[in-house]
Amino acid sequence: MVNRRKLLVRITTALLIGILFYIQFSTLWVEASTVNKGNTIEKHVDITLLIWSALIVGGCIIGTLSYVSWKKYNAEVKLKKEARKDKSVD
């Protein structure tokens, strides 16, 4: 029961952090600028949102894979312990 509660707290915290990052970095900033002279066009690509999205998605994937690996490891250890305790003859 305690492990389930800890997992719920971690998931809730991760969701809140994700929501805060979304709110912080999804706002559209409009800034005044001077008129360009001539036909030059400035191309400005802001990739910070892409980087943050990749980090959040990558972190979720890494967290999920770590959790699944840990559960598999625990199950294998439990099976080995049960196999050692089993002294019955077939």
C-alpha atoms as a PDB file:
ATOM      1  CA  MET A   1       0.000   0.000   0.000  1.00  0.00           C
ATOM      2  CA  VAL A   2       2.866   2.363   0.793  1.00  0.00           C
ATOM      3  CA  ASN A   3       4.540   1.680  -2.583  1.00  0.00           C
ATOM      4  CA  ARG A   4       1.308   2.438  -4.410  1.00  0.00           C
ATOM      5  CA  ARG A   5       0.986   5.730  -2.545  1.00  0.00           C
ATOM      6  CA  LYS A   6       4.591   6.686  -3.359  1.00  0.00           C
ATOM      7  CA  LEU A   7       3.971   5.873  -7.025  1.00  0.00           C
ATOM      8  CA  LEU A   8       0.827   8.015  -7.026  1.00  0.00           C
ATOM      9  CA  VAL A   9       2.730  10.921  -5.472  1.00  0.00           C
ATOM     10  CA  ARG A  10       5.522  10.616  -8.044  1.00  0.00           C
ATOM     11  CA  ILE A  11       3.105  10.484 -10.970  1.00  0.00           C
ATOM     12  CA  THR A  12       1.152  13.467  -9.660  1.00  0.00           C
ATOM     13  CA  THR A  13       4.351  15.452  -9.149  1.00  0.00           C
ATOM     14  CA  ALA A  14       5.558  14.606 -12.666  1.00  0.00           C
ATOM     15  CA  LEU A  15       2.227  15.688 -14.149  1.00  0.00           C
ATOM     16  CA  LEU A  16       2.247  18.977 -12.251  1.00  0.00           C
ATOM     17  CA  ILE A  17       5.813  19.713 -13.354  1.00  0.00           C
ATOM     18  CA  GLY A  18       4.858  18.910 -16.951  1.00  0.00           C
ATOM     19  CA  ILE A  19       1.830  21.203 -16.770  1.00  0.00           C
ATOM     20  CA  LEU A  20       3.942  24.015 -15.318  1.00  0.00           C
ATOM     21  CA  PHE A  21       6.539  23.625 -18.073  1.00  0.00           C
ATOM     22  CA  TYR A  22       3.773  23.655 -20.673  1.00  0.00           C
ATOM     23  CA  ILE A  23       2.260  26.818 -19.258  1.00  0.00           C
ATOM     24  CA  GLN A  24       5.640  28.518 -18.923  1.00  0.00           C
ATOM     25  CA  PHE A  25       6.952  27.727 -22.395  1.00  0.00           C
ATOM     26  CA  SER A  26       3.772  27.657 -24.465  1.00  0.00           C
ATOM     27  CA  THR A  27       2.990  31.344 -24.106  1.00  0.00           C
ATOM     28  CA  LEU A  28       3.403  33.353 -27.268  1.00  0.00           C
ATOM     29  CA  TRP A  29       5.672  36.326 -26.838  1.00  0.00           C
ATOM     30  CA  VAL A  30       5.112  39.236 -29.180  1.00  0.00           C
ATOM     31  CA  GLU A  31       7.831  41.846 -29.320  1.00  0.00           C
ATOM     32  CA  ALA A  32       8.023  45.083 -31.242  1.00  0.00           C
ATOM     33  CA  SER A  33      10.888  45.432 -33.660  1.00  0.00           C
ATOM     34  CA  THR A  34      12.205  47.973 -36.104  1.00  0.00           C
ATOM     35  CA  VAL A  35      11.287  47.825 -39.757  1.00  0.00           C
ATOM     36  CA  ASN A  36      13.731  45.810 -41.860  1.00  0.00           C
ATOM     37  CA  LYS A  37      15.609  47.838 -44.453  1.00  0.00           C
ATOM     38  CA  GLY A  38      15.721  46.279 -47.876  1.00  0.00           C
ATOM     39  CA  ASN A  39      14.474  42.813 -48.785  1.00  0.00           C
ATOM     40  CA  THR A  40      16.249  40.894 -46.056  1.00  0.00           C
ATOM     41  CA  ILE A  41      14.039  38.549 -44.110  1.00  0.00           C
ATOM     42  CA  GLU A  42      15.137  37.345 -40.756  1.00  0.00           C
ATOM     43  CA  LYS A  43      14.401  33.711 -40.113  1.00  0.00           C
ATOM     44  CA  HIS A  44      14.302  33.034 -36.446  1.00  0.00           C
ATOM     45  CA  VAL A  45      13.539  29.524 -35.326  1.00  0.00           C
ATOM     46  CA  ASP A  46      12.907  29.092 -31.650  1.00  0.00           C
ATOM     47  CA  ILE A  47      13.559  25.463 -30.803  1.00  0.00           C
ATOM     48  CA  THR A  48      13.415  25.708 -27.047  1.00  0.00           C
ATOM     49  CA  LEU A  49       9.921  24.209 -27.027  1.00  0.00           C
ATOM     50  CA  LEU A  50      11.151  21.329 -29.159  1.00  0.00           C
ATOM     51  CA  ILE A  51      14.048  20.717 -26.787  1.00  0.00           C
ATOM     52  CA  TRP A  52      11.818  20.797 -23.697  1.00  0.00           C
ATOM     53  CA  SER A  53       9.287  18.488 -25.361  1.00  0.00           C
ATOM     54  CA  ALA A  54      12.020  16.036 -26.287  1.00  0.00           C
ATOM     55  CA  LEU A  55      13.397  16.117 -22.738  1.00  0.00           C
ATOM     56  CA  ILE A  56       9.983  15.526 -21.177  1.00  0.00           C
ATOM     57  CA  VAL A  57       9.075  12.700 -23.567  1.00  0.00           C
ATOM     58  CA  GLY A  58      12.537  11.155 -23.255  1.00  0.00           C
ATOM     59  CA  GLY A  59      12.349  11.365 -19.470  1.00  0.00           C
ATOM     60  CA  CYS A  60       8.961   9.650 -19.470  1.00  0.00           C
ATOM     61  CA  ILE A  61      10.280   6.878 -21.691  1.00  0.00           C
ATOM     62  CA  ILE A  62      13.381   6.386 -19.546  1.00  0.00           C
ATOM     63  CA  GLY A  63      11.272   6.380 -16.376  1.00  0.00           C
ATOM     64  CA  THR A  64       8.869   3.821 -17.810  1.00  0.00           C
ATOM     65  CA  LEU A  65      11.639   1.521 -19.025  1.00  0.00           C
ATOM     66  CA  SER A  66      13.410   1.761 -15.670  1.00  0.00           C
ATOM     67  CA  TYR A  67      10.211   0.899 -13.808  1.00  0.00           C
ATOM     68  CA  VAL A  68       9.477  -2.105 -16.032  1.00  0.00           C
ATOM     69  CA  SER A  69      13.059  -3.355 -15.739  1.00  0.00           C
ATOM     70  CA  TRP A  70      12.939  -3.049 -11.953  1.00  0.00           C
ATOM     71  CA  LYS A  71       9.650  -4.972 -11.777  1.00  0.00           C
ATOM     72  CA  LYS A  72      11.066  -7.714 -14.026  1.00  0.00           C
ATOM     73  CA  TYR A  73      14.208  -7.960 -11.897  1.00  0.00           C
ATOM     74  CA  ASN A  74      12.142  -8.269  -8.701  1.00  0.00           C
ATOM     75  CA  ALA A  75       9.982 -10.980 -10.270  1.00  0.00           C
ATOM     76  CA  GLU A  76      13.055 -12.972 -11.342  1.00  0.00           C
ATOM     77  CA  VAL A  77      14.578 -12.718  -7.857  1.00  0.00           C
ATOM     78  CA  LYS A  78      11.298 -13.875  -6.328  1.00  0.00           C
ATOM     79  CA  LEU A  79      11.151 -16.878  -8.695  1.00  0.00           C
ATOM     80  CA  LYS A  80      14.716 -17.854  -7.789  1.00  0.00           C
ATOM     81  CA  LYS A  81      13.901 -17.682  -4.075  1.00  0.00           C
ATOM     82  CA  GLU A  82      10.800 -19.818  -4.562  1.00  0.00           C
ATOM     83  CA  ALA A  83      12.803 -22.337  -6.586  1.00  0.00           C
ATOM     84  CA  ARG A  84      15.341 -22.674  -3.744  1.00  0.00           C
ATOM     85  CA  LYS A  85      12.611 -23.188  -1.149  1.00  0.00           C
ATOM     86  CA  ASP A  86      10.869 -25.855  -3.225  1.00  0.00           C
ATOM     87  CA  LYS A  87      12.339 -29.153  -2.019  1.00  0.00           C
ATOM     88  CA  SER A  88       9.526 -31.397  -3.255  1.00  0.00           C
ATOM     89  CA  VAL A  89      10.285 -34.366  -5.470  1.00  0.00           C
ATOM     90  CA  ASP A  90       8.332 -34.708  -8.676  1.00  0.00           C
END
